[in-house]
C-alpha atoms as a PDB file:
ATOM      1  CA  MET A   1       0.046   0.020  -0.055  1.00  0.00           C
ATOM      2  CA  VAL A   2       2.851   2.308   0.785  1.00  0.00           C
ATOM      3  CA  VAL A   3       4.626   1.604  -2.548  1.00  0.00           C
ATOM      4  CA  ARG A   4       1.493   2.176  -4.506  1.00  0.00           C
ATOM      5  CA  GLY A   5       0.209   4.959  -2.124  1.00  0.00           C
ATOM      6  CA  LYS A   6      -2.536   4.909   0.425  1.00  0.00           C
ATOM      7  CA  GLY A   7      -3.758   8.118  -1.219  1.00  0.00           C
ATOM      8  CA  GLU A   8      -5.388   5.968  -3.905  1.00  0.00           C
ATOM      9  CA  ASP A   9      -8.394   5.897  -1.556  1.00  0.00           C
ATOM     10  CA  CYS A  10      -8.832   9.688  -2.072  1.00  0.00           C
ATOM     11  CA  LYS A  11      -9.743   9.211  -5.703  1.00  0.00           C
ATOM     12  CA  PRO A  12     -12.177   6.271  -6.716  1.00  0.00           C
ATOM     13  CA  SER A  13     -10.772   4.272  -9.443  1.00  0.00           C
ATOM     14  CA  GLY A  14     -11.874   5.181 -12.958  1.00  0.00           C
ATOM     15  CA  THR A  15     -13.271   8.526 -11.946  1.00  0.00           C
ATOM     16  CA  HIS A  16     -12.388  11.936 -13.170  1.00  0.00           C
ATOM     17  CA  LEU A  17     -12.602  14.842 -10.775  1.00  0.00           C
ATOM     18  CA  HIS A  18     -14.067  17.581 -12.880  1.00  0.00           C
ATOM     19  CA  GLY A  19     -13.639  20.139 -10.124  1.00  0.00           C
ATOM     20  CA  LEU A  20      -9.808  19.937 -10.447  1.00  0.00           C
ATOM     21  CA  ASP A  21     -10.183  21.041 -14.120  1.00  0.00           C
ATOM     22  CA  GLN A  22     -12.214  23.974 -13.017  1.00  0.00           C
ATOM     23  CA  LEU A  23      -9.743  24.794 -10.236  1.00  0.00           C
ATOM     24  CA  ARG A  24      -6.850  24.563 -12.596  1.00  0.00           C
ATOM     25  CA  LEU A  25      -8.573  27.122 -15.028  1.00  0.00           C
ATOM     26  CA  LEU A  26      -9.192  29.425 -12.040  1.00  0.00           C
ATOM     27  CA  ALA A  27      -5.357  29.235 -11.172  1.00  0.00           C
ATOM     28  CA  ALA A  28      -4.488  29.979 -14.842  1.00  0.00           C
ATOM     29  CA  LEU A  29      -6.798  32.989 -14.967  1.00  0.00           C
ATOM     30  CA  LEU A  30      -5.392  34.454 -11.758  1.00  0.00           C
ATOM     31  CA  ILE A  31      -1.802  34.065 -12.905  1.00  0.00           C
ATOM     32  CA  PHE A  32      -2.576  35.449 -16.353  1.00  0.00           C
ATOM     33  CA  VAL A  33      -4.429  38.505 -14.980  1.00  0.00           C
ATOM     34  CA  GLN A  34      -1.406  39.453 -12.755  1.00  0.00           C
ATOM     35  CA  HIS A  35       1.096  38.987 -15.386  1.00  0.00           C
ATOM     36  CA  THR A  36      -1.044  41.156 -17.805  1.00  0.00           C
ATOM     37  CA  LEU A  37      -1.402  43.810 -15.182  1.00  0.00           C
ATOM     38  CA  SER A  38       2.314  43.757 -14.483  1.00  0.00           C
ATOM     39  CA  CYS A  39       3.227  43.908 -18.121  1.00  0.00           C
ATOM     40  CA  SER A  40       0.934  46.964 -18.625  1.00  0.00           C
ATOM     41  CA  GLY A  41       2.475  48.769 -15.653  1.00  0.00           C
ATOM     42  CA  HIS A  42      -0.427  48.324 -13.276  1.00  0.00           C
ATOM     43  CA  ASP A  43       1.097  46.495 -10.437  1.00  0.00           C
ATOM     44  CA  GLU A  44      -1.031  48.369  -7.995  1.00  0.00           C
ATOM     45  CA  TRP A  45      -4.034  46.480  -9.198  1.00  0.00           C
ATOM     46  CA  ILE A  46      -2.664  42.933  -8.488  1.00  0.00           C
ATOM     47  CA  ASP A  47      -3.327  43.032  -4.679  1.00  0.00           C
ATOM     48  CA  ILE A  48      -6.899  42.537  -3.501  1.00  0.00           C
ATOM     49  CA  ALA A  49      -7.623  42.544   0.210  1.00  0.00           C
ATOM     50  CA  GLY A  50      -4.061  41.896   1.003  1.00  0.00           C
ATOM     51  CA  PHE A  51      -3.655  38.925  -1.459  1.00  0.00           C
ATOM     52  CA  ARG A  52      -1.629  39.041  -4.577  1.00  0.00           C
ATOM     53  CA  ILE A  53      -4.001  37.219  -7.137  1.00  0.00           C
ATOM     54  CA  GLY A  54      -1.195  35.459  -8.985  1.00  0.00           C
ATOM     55  CA  ARG A  55       0.152  33.838  -5.827  1.00  0.00           C
ATOM     56  CA  ILE A  56      -3.264  32.323  -5.075  1.00  0.00           C
ATOM     57  CA  GLY A  57      -3.057  30.743  -8.537  1.00  0.00           C
ATOM     58  CA  THR A  58       0.372  29.412  -7.967  1.00  0.00           C
ATOM     59  CA  ALA A  59      -0.698  27.944  -4.560  1.00  0.00           C
ATOM     60  CA  ILE A  60      -3.561  26.142  -6.250  1.00  0.00           C
ATOM     61  CA  PHE A  61      -1.236  24.784  -8.815  1.00  0.00           C
ATOM     62  CA  PHE A  62       1.247  23.349  -6.272  1.00  0.00           C
ATOM     63  CA  MET A  63      -1.627  21.986  -4.110  1.00  0.00           C
ATOM     64  CA  LEU A  64      -3.149  20.224  -7.142  1.00  0.00           C
ATOM     65  CA  SER A  65       0.287  18.840  -8.056  1.00  0.00           C
ATOM     66  CA  GLY A  66       0.664  17.392  -4.566  1.00  0.00           C
ATOM     67  CA  PHE A  67      -2.792  15.980  -4.457  1.00  0.00           C
ATOM     68  CA  LEU A  68      -2.464  14.202  -7.876  1.00  0.00           C
ATOM     69  CA  ALA A  69       0.993  12.899  -7.104  1.00  0.00           C
ATOM     70  CA  ALA A  70      -0.541  11.158  -4.057  1.00  0.00           C
ATOM     71  CA  THR A  71      -3.454   9.799  -5.898  1.00  0.00           C
ATOM     72  CA  SER A  72      -1.456   8.177  -8.624  1.00  0.00           C
ATOM     73  CA  ARG A  73      -1.498   4.393  -8.853  1.00  0.00           C
ATOM     74  CA  ARG A  74       1.644   3.940 -10.772  1.00  0.00           C
ATOM     75  CA  PRO A  75       4.879   2.501  -9.259  1.00  0.00           C
ATOM     76  CA  ALA A  76       7.278   5.152  -8.032  1.00  0.00           C
ATOM     77  CA  PHE A  77       9.918   5.055 -10.714  1.00  0.00           C
ATOM     78  CA  GLU A  78       7.540   4.510 -13.593  1.00  0.00           C
ATOM     79  CA  TRP A  79       5.418   7.514 -12.237  1.00  0.00           C
ATOM     80  CA  PHE A  80       8.587   9.780 -12.039  1.00  0.00           C
ATOM     81  CA  ILE A  81       9.853   8.914 -15.611  1.00  0.00           C
ATOM     82  CA  ASP A  82       6.253   9.512 -16.973  1.00  0.00           C
ATOM     83  CA  ARG A  83       6.345  13.083 -15.239  1.00  0.00           C
ATOM     84  CA  LEU A  84       9.722  13.695 -16.942  1.00  0.00           C
ATOM     85  CA  ARG A  85       8.514  12.600 -20.300  1.00  0.00           C
ATOM     86  CA  PHE A  86       5.443  14.852 -19.956  1.00  0.00           C
ATOM     87  CA  LEU A  87       7.293  17.941 -18.616  1.00  0.00           C
ATOM     88  CA  LEU A  88      10.693  18.085 -20.259  1.00  0.00           C
ATOM     89  CA  PRO A  89      10.219  17.689 -24.099  1.00  0.00           C
ATOM     90  CA  THR A  90       7.727  20.532 -24.421  1.00  0.00           C
ATOM     91  CA  PHE A  91       9.686  22.591 -21.886  1.00  0.00           C
ATOM     92  CA  TRP A  92      12.778  22.268 -24.058  1.00  0.00           C
ATOM     93  CA  ILE A  93      10.988  23.309 -27.157  1.00  0.00           C
ATOM     94  CA  VAL A  94       9.609  26.494 -25.429  1.00  0.00           C
ATOM     95  CA  THR A  95      13.007  27.173 -23.709  1.00  0.00           C
ATOM     96  CA  GLY A  96      14.854  26.880 -27.123  1.00  0.00           C
ATOM     97  CA  ILE A  97      12.284  29.308 -28.684  1.00  0.00           C
ATOM     98  CA  GLY A  98      12.728  31.689 -25.724  1.00  0.00           C
ATOM     99  CA  PHE A  99      16.498  31.825 -26.101  1.00  0.00           C
ATOM    100  CA  VAL A 100      16.338  32.360 -29.814  1.00  0.00           C
ATOM    101  CA  LEU A 101      13.749  35.311 -29.334  1.00  0.00           C
ATOM    102  CA  ALA A 102      15.968  36.721 -26.614  1.00  0.00           C
ATOM    103  CA  ALA A 103      19.001  36.575 -28.831  1.00  0.00           C
ATOM    104  CA  ILE A 104      17.137  38.256 -31.717  1.00  0.00           C
ATOM    105  CA  GLY A 105      15.559  40.920 -29.535  1.00  0.00           C
ATOM    106  CA  GLY A 106      18.408  41.545 -27.384  1.00  0.00           C
ATOM    107  CA  ARG A 107      16.250  42.392 -24.357  1.00  0.00           C
ATOM    108  CA  LYS A 108      18.012  39.823 -22.052  1.00  0.00           C
ATOM    109  CA  GLU A 109      21.592  38.717 -21.978  1.00  0.00           C
ATOM    110  CA  PHE A 110      22.493  35.165 -21.345  1.00  0.00           C
ATOM    111  CA  ASP A 111      25.547  32.887 -21.569  1.00  0.00           C
ATOM    112  CA  ALA A 112      26.206  29.147 -22.218  1.00  0.00           C
ATOM    113  CA  TRP A 113      25.975  28.325 -18.509  1.00  0.00           C
ATOM    114  CA  GLN A 114      22.489  29.800 -18.292  1.00  0.00           C
ATOM    115  CA  VAL A 115      21.408  27.770 -21.304  1.00  0.00           C
ATOM    116  CA  VAL A 116      22.684  24.506 -19.804  1.00  0.00           C
ATOM    117  CA  CYS A 117      20.942  25.354 -16.408  1.00  0.00           C
ATOM    118  CA  GLN A 118      17.541  26.203 -17.915  1.00  0.00           C
ATOM    119  CA  PHE A 119      17.607  23.096 -20.210  1.00  0.00           C
ATOM    120  CA  SER A 120      18.421  20.915 -17.288  1.00  0.00           C
ATOM    121  CA  GLY A 121      15.207  22.273 -15.596  1.00  0.00           C
ATOM    122  CA  PHE A 122      16.848  23.788 -12.677  1.00  0.00           C
ATOM    123  CA  GLY A 123      17.675  27.320 -13.970  1.00  0.00           C
ATOM    124  CA  TYR A 124      15.527  29.101 -11.347  1.00  0.00           C
ATOM    125  CA  PHE A 125      17.926  27.834  -8.534  1.00  0.00           C
ATOM    126  CA  THR A 126      20.938  29.197 -10.411  1.00  0.00           C
ATOM    127  CA  HIS A 127      19.596  32.287 -12.288  1.00  0.00           C
ATOM    128  CA  GLY A 128      16.413  33.369 -10.380  1.00  0.00           C
ATOM    129  CA  GLU A 129      14.751  36.261 -11.870  1.00  0.00           C
ATOM    130  CA  ARG A 130      17.257  36.295 -14.790  1.00  0.00           C
ATOM    131  CA  LEU A 131      15.517  33.480 -16.401  1.00  0.00           C
ATOM    132  CA  ILE A 132      14.623  33.505 -20.087  1.00  0.00           C
ATOM    133  CA  ASN A 133      10.777  33.141 -20.149  1.00  0.00           C
ATOM    134  CA  ILE A 134      10.530  33.706 -16.369  1.00  0.00           C
ATOM    135  CA  ALA A 135       7.129  32.273 -16.299  1.00  0.00           C
ATOM    136  CA  THR A 136       8.663  28.822 -16.436  1.00  0.00           C
ATOM    137  CA  TRP A 137      10.310  29.238 -13.065  1.00  0.00           C
ATOM    138  CA  PHE A 138       7.826  26.799 -11.506  1.00  0.00           C
ATOM    139  CA  LEU A 139       9.378  23.812 -13.252  1.00  0.00           C
ATOM    140  CA  SER A 140      12.576  23.922 -11.134  1.00  0.00           C
ATOM    141  CA  PRO A 141      10.863  23.423  -7.772  1.00  0.00           C
ATOM    142  CA  LEU A 142       8.411  21.078  -9.183  1.00  0.00           C
ATOM    143  CA  LEU A 143      10.999  18.677 -10.552  1.00  0.00           C
ATOM    144  CA  LEU A 144      12.626  18.703  -7.120  1.00  0.00           C
ATOM    145  CA  LEU A 145       9.493  18.012  -5.385  1.00  0.00           C
ATOM    146  CA  TYR A 146       8.439  15.217  -7.817  1.00  0.00           C
ATOM    147  CA  ALA A 147      11.923  13.510  -7.206  1.00  0.00           C
ATOM    148  CA  ALA A 148      11.410  13.662  -3.418  1.00  0.00           C
ATOM    149  CA  VAL A 149       7.853  12.138  -3.950  1.00  0.00           C
ATOM    150  CA  ALA A 150       9.342   9.362  -6.156  1.00  0.00           C
ATOM    151  CA  VAL A 151      11.732   8.412  -3.386  1.00  0.00           C
ATOM    152  CA  ALA A 152       8.966   8.759  -0.648  1.00  0.00           C
ATOM    153  CA  LYS A 153       6.784   6.324  -2.553  1.00  0.00           C
ATOM    154  CA  HIS A 154       9.202   3.501  -1.913  1.00  0.00           C
ATOM    155  CA  LYS A 155       8.450   1.360   1.246  1.00  0.00           C
ATOM    156  CA  SER A 156      11.978   1.779   2.739  1.00  0.00           C
ATOM    157  CA  CYS A 157      11.444   5.682   2.678  1.00  0.00           C
ATOM    158  CA  ARG A 158       7.848   5.713   3.843  1.00  0.00           C
ATOM    159  CA  TRP A 159       8.502   8.581   6.426  1.00  0.00           C
ATOM    160  CA  LEU A 160      10.373  10.694   3.930  1.00  0.00           C
ATOM    161  CA  SER A 161       7.289  12.742   2.916  1.00  0.00           C
ATOM    162  CA  LEU A 162       6.608  13.575   6.601  1.00  0.00           C
ATOM    163  CA  ILE A 163      10.171  14.631   7.157  1.00  0.00           C
ATOM    164  CA  VAL A 164      10.207  16.873   4.110  1.00  0.00           C
ATOM    165  CA  THR A 165       6.865  18.366   5.010  1.00  0.00           C
ATOM    166  CA  LEU A 166       8.154  19.244   8.515  1.00  0.00           C
ATOM    167  CA  PHE A 167      11.408  20.627   6.949  1.00  0.00           C
ATOM    168  CA  LEU A 168       9.657  22.956   4.614  1.00  0.00           C
ATOM    169  CA  LEU A 169       7.134  24.021   7.218  1.00  0.00           C
ATOM    170  CA  VAL A 170       9.711  24.926   9.704  1.00  0.00           C
ATOM    171  CA  THR A 171      12.030  26.615   7.016  1.00  0.00           C
ATOM    172  CA  ALA A 172       9.067  28.591   5.634  1.00  0.00           C
ATOM    173  CA  THR A 173       8.133  29.940   8.988  1.00  0.00           C
ATOM    174  CA  LEU A 174      11.720  31.004   9.759  1.00  0.00           C
ATOM    175  CA  GLN A 175      12.097  32.906   6.455  1.00  0.00           C
ATOM    176  CA  ASP A 176      11.439  36.615   5.939  1.00  0.00           C
ATOM    177  CA  GLU A 177       8.107  37.193   4.172  1.00  0.00           C
ATOM    178  CA  ASN A 178       9.923  38.333   1.008  1.00  0.00           C
ATOM    179  CA  TYR A 179      11.823  34.951   0.753  1.00  0.00           C
ATOM    180  CA  ALA A 180       9.301  32.498   2.171  1.00  0.00           C
ATOM    181  CA  THR A 181       6.943  32.163  -0.795  1.00  0.00           C
ATOM    182  CA  LEU A 182       8.870  29.255  -2.577  1.00  0.00           C
ATOM    183  CA  TYR A 183       9.101  27.393   0.646  1.00  0.00           C
ATOM    184  CA  CYS A 184       5.506  27.853   1.471  1.00  0.00           C
ATOM    185  CA  HIS A 185       4.496  26.546  -1.997  1.00  0.00           C
ATOM    186  CA  GLY A 186       6.691  23.551  -1.446  1.00  0.00           C
ATOM    187  CA  ALA A 187       5.230  22.925   2.052  1.00  0.00           C
ATOM    188  CA  VAL A 188       1.793  23.187   0.644  1.00  0.00           C
ATOM    189  CA  PHE A 189       2.565  20.557  -2.090  1.00  0.00           C
ATOM    190  CA  PHE A 190       3.947  18.005   0.542  1.00  0.00           C
ATOM    191  CA  LEU A 191       1.451  18.888   3.155  1.00  0.00           C
ATOM    192  CA  THR A 192      -1.360  17.871   0.681  1.00  0.00           C
ATOM    193  CA  TYR A 193       0.579  14.941  -0.506  1.00  0.00           C
ATOM    194  CA  SER A 194       1.228  13.678   3.176  1.00  0.00           C
ATOM    195  CA  VAL A 195      -2.385  14.123   4.156  1.00  0.00           C
ATOM    196  CA  CYS A 196      -3.544  12.083   1.090  1.00  0.00           C
ATOM    197  CA  ILE A 197      -1.122   9.321   1.777  1.00  0.00           C
ATOM    198  CA  TYR A 198      -1.275   8.876   5.564  1.00  0.00           C
ATOM    199  CA  TRP A 199      -4.820   9.980   6.135  1.00  0.00           C
ATOM    200  CA  PRO A 200      -6.873   9.036   3.027  1.00  0.00           C
ATOM    201  CA  LYS A 201     -10.212   9.266   4.762  1.00  0.00           C
ATOM    202  CA  LEU A 202      -9.429  12.775   5.810  1.00  0.00           C
ATOM    203  CA  CYS A 203      -8.468  13.586   2.200  1.00  0.00           C
ATOM    204  CA  ARG A 204     -11.525  11.783   0.755  1.00  0.00           C
ATOM    205  CA  ASN A 205     -14.061  13.490   3.045  1.00  0.00           C
ATOM    206  CA  MET A 206     -12.033  16.767   2.891  1.00  0.00           C
ATOM    207  CA  THR A 207     -12.826  17.879   6.397  1.00  0.00           C
ATOM    208  CA  PRO A 208     -11.749  21.428   7.294  1.00  0.00           C
ATOM    209  CA  MET A 209      -8.494  20.307   9.050  1.00  0.00           C
ATOM    210  CA  LEU A 210      -6.194  21.055   6.232  1.00  0.00           C
ATOM    211  CA  PRO A 211      -7.540  24.606   5.605  1.00  0.00           C
ATOM    212  CA  LEU A 212      -7.688  25.300   9.332  1.00  0.00           C
ATOM    213  CA  GLY A 213      -4.103  24.118   9.685  1.00  0.00           C
ATOM    214  CA  LEU A 214      -2.961  26.459   6.937  1.00  0.00           C
ATOM    215  CA  VAL A 215      -4.893  29.304   8.574  1.00  0.00           C
ATOM    216  CA  VAL A 216      -3.060  28.758  11.860  1.00  0.00           C
ATOM    217  CA  LEU A 217       0.281  28.575   9.988  1.00  0.00           C
ATOM    218  CA  SER A 218      -0.568  31.877   8.284  1.00  0.00           C
ATOM    219  CA  LEU A 219      -0.738  33.579  11.692  1.00  0.00           C
ATOM    220  CA  ILE A 220       2.959  32.652  12.059  1.00  0.00           C
ATOM    221  CA  GLN A 221       4.081  33.045   8.399  1.00  0.00           C
ATOM    222  CA  PRO A 222       1.565  35.201   6.374  1.00  0.00           C
ATOM    223  CA  GLU A 223       2.659  33.670   3.057  1.00  0.00           C
ATOM    224  CA  PHE A 224       0.721  30.482   4.009  1.00  0.00           C
ATOM    225  CA  ARG A 225      -2.555  32.430   3.609  1.00  0.00           C
ATOM    226  CA  TYR A 226      -2.333  31.592  -0.117  1.00  0.00           C
ATOM    227  CA  GLY A 227      -2.138  27.913   0.684  1.00  0.00           C
ATOM    228  CA  ALA A 228      -5.141  28.236   3.076  1.00  0.00           C
ATOM    229  CA  VAL A 229      -7.265  29.828   0.273  1.00  0.00           C
ATOM    230  CA  ALA A 230      -5.984  27.116  -2.188  1.00  0.00           C
ATOM    231  CA  SER A 231      -7.013  24.362   0.325  1.00  0.00           C
ATOM    232  CA  ILE A 232     -10.510  25.851   0.737  1.00  0.00           C
ATOM    233  CA  LEU A 233     -11.070  25.869  -2.976  1.00  0.00           C
ATOM    234  CA  LEU A 234      -9.762  22.258  -3.306  1.00  0.00           C
ATOM    235  CA  THR A 235     -12.179  21.303  -0.577  1.00  0.00           C
ATOM    236  CA  PHE A 236     -15.032  22.418  -2.740  1.00  0.00           C
ATOM    237  CA  ALA A 237     -13.530  21.205  -6.030  1.00  0.00           C
ATOM    238  CA  ILE A 238     -13.204  17.709  -5.042  1.00  0.00           C
ATOM    239  CA  LYS A 239     -17.086  17.597  -4.534  1.00  0.00           C
ATOM    240  CA  VAL A 240     -17.755  18.950  -7.979  1.00  0.00           C
ATOM    241  CA  GLN A 241     -19.151  16.239 -10.282  1.00  0.00           C
ATOM    242  CA  SER A 242     -20.556  18.264 -13.213  1.00  0.00           C
ATOM    243  CA  PRO A 243     -17.879  19.117 -15.946  1.00  0.00           C
ATOM    244  CA  ILE A 244     -17.648  22.406 -17.431  1.00  0.00           C
ATOM    245  CA  ARG A 245     -16.596  22.101 -21.193  1.00  0.00           C
ATOM    246  CA  ILE A 246     -14.204  25.084 -21.301  1.00  0.00           C
ATOM    247  CA  ALA A 247     -12.404  23.969 -18.146  1.00  0.00           C
ATOM    248  CA  SER A 248     -12.012  20.322 -19.410  1.00  0.00           C
ATOM    249  CA  SER A 249     -10.738  21.508 -22.787  1.00  0.00           C
ATOM    250  CA  PHE A 250      -8.246  23.931 -21.131  1.00  0.00           C
ATOM    251  CA  SER A 251      -7.004  21.099 -18.774  1.00  0.00           C
ATOM    252  CA  ARG A 252      -5.614  19.152 -21.856  1.00  0.00           C
ATOM    253  CA  ILE A 253      -3.273  22.148 -22.760  1.00  0.00           C
ATOM    254  CA  ALA A 254      -2.776  23.746 -19.348  1.00  0.00           C
ATOM    255  CA  TYR A 255       0.815  22.785 -19.014  1.00  0.00           C
ATOM    256  CA  GLU A 256       1.683  24.077 -22.519  1.00  0.00           C
ATOM    257  CA  TRP A 257      -0.279  27.227 -21.848  1.00  0.00           C
ATOM    258  CA  PHE A 258       1.656  27.894 -18.615  1.00  0.00           C
ATOM    259  CA  LEU A 259       4.964  27.552 -20.591  1.00  0.00           C
ATOM    260  CA  VAL A 260       4.034  29.938 -23.434  1.00  0.00           C
ATOM    261  CA  HIS A 261       1.865  32.604 -21.902  1.00  0.00           C
ATOM    262  CA  GLY A 262       4.787  34.678 -20.747  1.00  0.00           C
ATOM    263  CA  ILE A 263       6.393  34.758 -24.243  1.00  0.00           C
ATOM    264  CA  CYS A 264       2.872  35.592 -25.773  1.00  0.00           C
ATOM    265  CA  LEU A 265       2.364  38.393 -23.469  1.00  0.00           C
ATOM    266  CA  SER A 266       5.904  39.819 -24.383  1.00  0.00           C
ATOM    267  CA  VAL A 267       4.865  39.605 -28.030  1.00  0.00           C
ATOM    268  CA  ALA A 268       1.523  41.418 -27.335  1.00  0.00           C
ATOM    269  CA  MET A 269       3.390  44.112 -25.482  1.00  0.00           C
ATOM    270  CA  ARG A 270       5.045  45.176 -28.777  1.00  0.00           C
ATOM    271  CA  ILE A 271       1.452  45.841 -30.058  1.00  0.00           C
ATOM    272  CA  THR A 272      -0.205  47.585 -27.135  1.00  0.00           C
ATOM    273  CA  GLU A 273       0.190  48.178 -23.301  1.00  0.00           C
ATOM    274  CA  MET A 274      -3.547  48.785 -22.680  1.00  0.00           C
ATOM    275  CA  PRO A 275      -4.395  46.241 -20.132  1.00  0.00           C
ATOM    276  CA  LEU A 276      -7.698  45.114 -21.532  1.00  0.00           C
ATOM    277  CA  LEU A 277      -6.379  44.952 -25.153  1.00  0.00           C
ATOM    278  CA  LEU A 278      -3.101  43.356 -23.994  1.00  0.00           C
ATOM    279  CA  GLY A 279      -4.883  40.732 -22.157  1.00  0.00           C
ATOM    280  CA  LEU A 280      -7.153  39.889 -25.129  1.00  0.00           C
ATOM    281  CA  ILE A 281      -4.324  39.581 -27.462  1.00  0.00           C
ATOM    282  CA  GLY A 282      -2.278  37.649 -25.002  1.00  0.00           C
ATOM    283  CA  ILE A 283      -4.875  35.087 -24.166  1.00  0.00           C
ATOM    284  CA  VAL A 284      -5.917  34.467 -27.775  1.00  0.00           C
ATOM    285  CA  LEU A 285      -2.187  34.073 -28.872  1.00  0.00           C
ATOM    286  CA  SER A 286      -1.283  31.921 -25.956  1.00  0.00           C
ATOM    287  CA  LEU A 287      -4.257  29.606 -26.486  1.00  0.00           C
ATOM    288  CA  PHE A 288      -3.382  29.254 -30.272  1.00  0.00           C
ATOM    289  CA  VAL A 289       0.309  28.502 -29.402  1.00  0.00           C
ATOM    290  CA  ALA A 290      -0.479  26.161 -26.674  1.00  0.00           C
ATOM    291  CA  VAL A 291      -2.998  24.103 -28.880  1.00  0.00           C
ATOM    292  CA  SER A 292      -0.416  24.157 -31.732  1.00  0.00           C
ATOM    293  CA  LEU A 293       2.391  23.078 -29.387  1.00  0.00           C
ATOM    294  CA  LYS A 294       0.231  20.302 -27.807  1.00  0.00           C
ATOM    295  CA  TYR A 295      -0.535  18.938 -31.374  1.00  0.00           C
ATOM    296  CA  ALA A 296       3.040  19.145 -32.470  1.00  0.00           C
ATOM    297  CA  SER A 297       4.554  17.367 -29.299  1.00  0.00           C
ATOM    298  CA  THR A 298       1.797  14.710 -29.522  1.00  0.00           C
ATOM    299  CA  SER A 299       2.397  13.995 -33.103  1.00  0.00           C
ATOM    300  CA  PHE A 300       6.196  13.908 -32.546  1.00  0.00           C
ATOM    301  CA  LEU A 301       5.854  11.463 -29.619  1.00  0.00           C
ATOM    302  CA  LYS A 302       3.627   9.222 -31.748  1.00  0.00           C
ATOM    303  CA  PHE A 303       6.172   9.315 -34.511  1.00  0.00           C
ATOM    304  CA  ILE A 304       8.948   8.304 -32.126  1.00  0.00           C
ATOM    305  CA  LEU A 305       6.837   5.555 -30.588  1.00  0.00           C
ATOM    306  CA  THR A 306       5.901   4.300 -34.170  1.00  0.00           C
ATOM    307  CA  ARG A 307       9.494   4.204 -35.227  1.00  0.00           C
ATOM    308  CA  ARG A 308      10.625   2.472 -32.163  1.00  0.00           C
ATOM    309  CA  GLU A 309       7.926  -0.280 -32.591  1.00  0.00           C
ATOM    310  CA  ALA A 310       8.874  -0.526 -36.303  1.00  0.00           C
ATOM    311  CA  THR A 311      12.570  -0.960 -35.302  1.00  0.00           C
ATOM    312  CA  ALA A 312      11.698  -3.466 -32.726  1.00  0.00           C
ATOM    313  CA  GLU A 313       9.489  -5.552 -35.080  1.00  0.00           C
ATOM    314  CA  GLY A 314      12.244  -5.445 -37.751  1.00  0.00           C
ATOM    315  CA  LEU A 315      14.869  -6.685 -35.377  1.00  0.00           C
ATOM    316  CA  ARG A 316      12.444  -9.476 -34.306  1.00  0.00           C
ATOM    317  CA  HIS A 317      11.872 -10.667 -37.815  1.00  0.00           C
ATOM    318  CA  LEU A 318      15.629 -10.499 -38.516  1.00  0.00           C
ATOM    319  CA  THR A 319      16.299 -12.585 -35.346  1.00  0.00           C
ATOM    320  CA  LEU A 320      13.711 -15.116 -36.420  1.00  0.00           C
ATOM    321  CA  ALA A 321      15.198 -15.256 -39.991  1.00  0.00           C
ATOM    322  CA  GLU A 322      18.721 -15.883 -38.523  1.00  0.00           C
ATOM    323  CA  ASN A 323      17.512 -18.344 -35.943  1.00  0.00           C
ATOM    324  CA  PRO A 324      14.518 -20.089 -37.427  1.00  0.00           C
ATOM    325  CA  MET A 325      14.459 -22.857 -34.653  1.00  0.00           C
ATOM    326  CA  THR A 326      13.641 -20.115 -32.075  1.00  0.00           C
END
């Protein structure tokens, strides 16, 4: 049960939680609105009642990632490799395009070391805000969190998730508010993961304990207030059974959209800096690019798999021809 994950009980087999699609769409909208306002020079509009709207979206994203990591039924290593196959190829394409555009436009300087760091997926830890296509910063901590989960899924490391959760919680509370955001996102990820793994009934019934716990933590470290809001929204989202078509459609291209929306907003800024028009151009362009990228990456992967199967089949026939008795 530990190897496969007790958190399987949180999500009935064969079901699709439509509320998660809707929550993912909400997170994307919050992040996009903040980035649009920042690009148009209206940072004073991104704070509402003491909350930075984009950080709510980011907290939702990390919480969803932790929840889905816990509910996966796949073996640890297979799950982790699948995550890498899903995340990295598309990220490499977008990152390559970003470097090309940066070189042509000359708006950001970079060197070979930055190229290596970003393509490895850990560029945020080495170059911080100097990343090309800064909107892809989330991949660096996510890869690290996924690697820790892959180790924690093994029976011999069953307590690792609790240790990592405790470490991130303590570290986040000790950090200054300006530097605690990333640790809080990581703590929210692992706190959600640990609840689903070790207390599946609590996760399945979604009692208020997780939101209340994060509210209490926010009294010590204010940055946890974003995780508290995300956990409240997740509590309701898990109960949603009716799909919304636009959310279900967006869910299929959500990752591609997150990767390209920053570049698309930069392109849109060359046309206008009016917030409404900038947002309209940015959303249309980013959705078009995300759909195109999804189609291209899917077609490429199918081509690779087809060629691999054809090669394997050819080798099998060759072996049979050389050794007919086998």
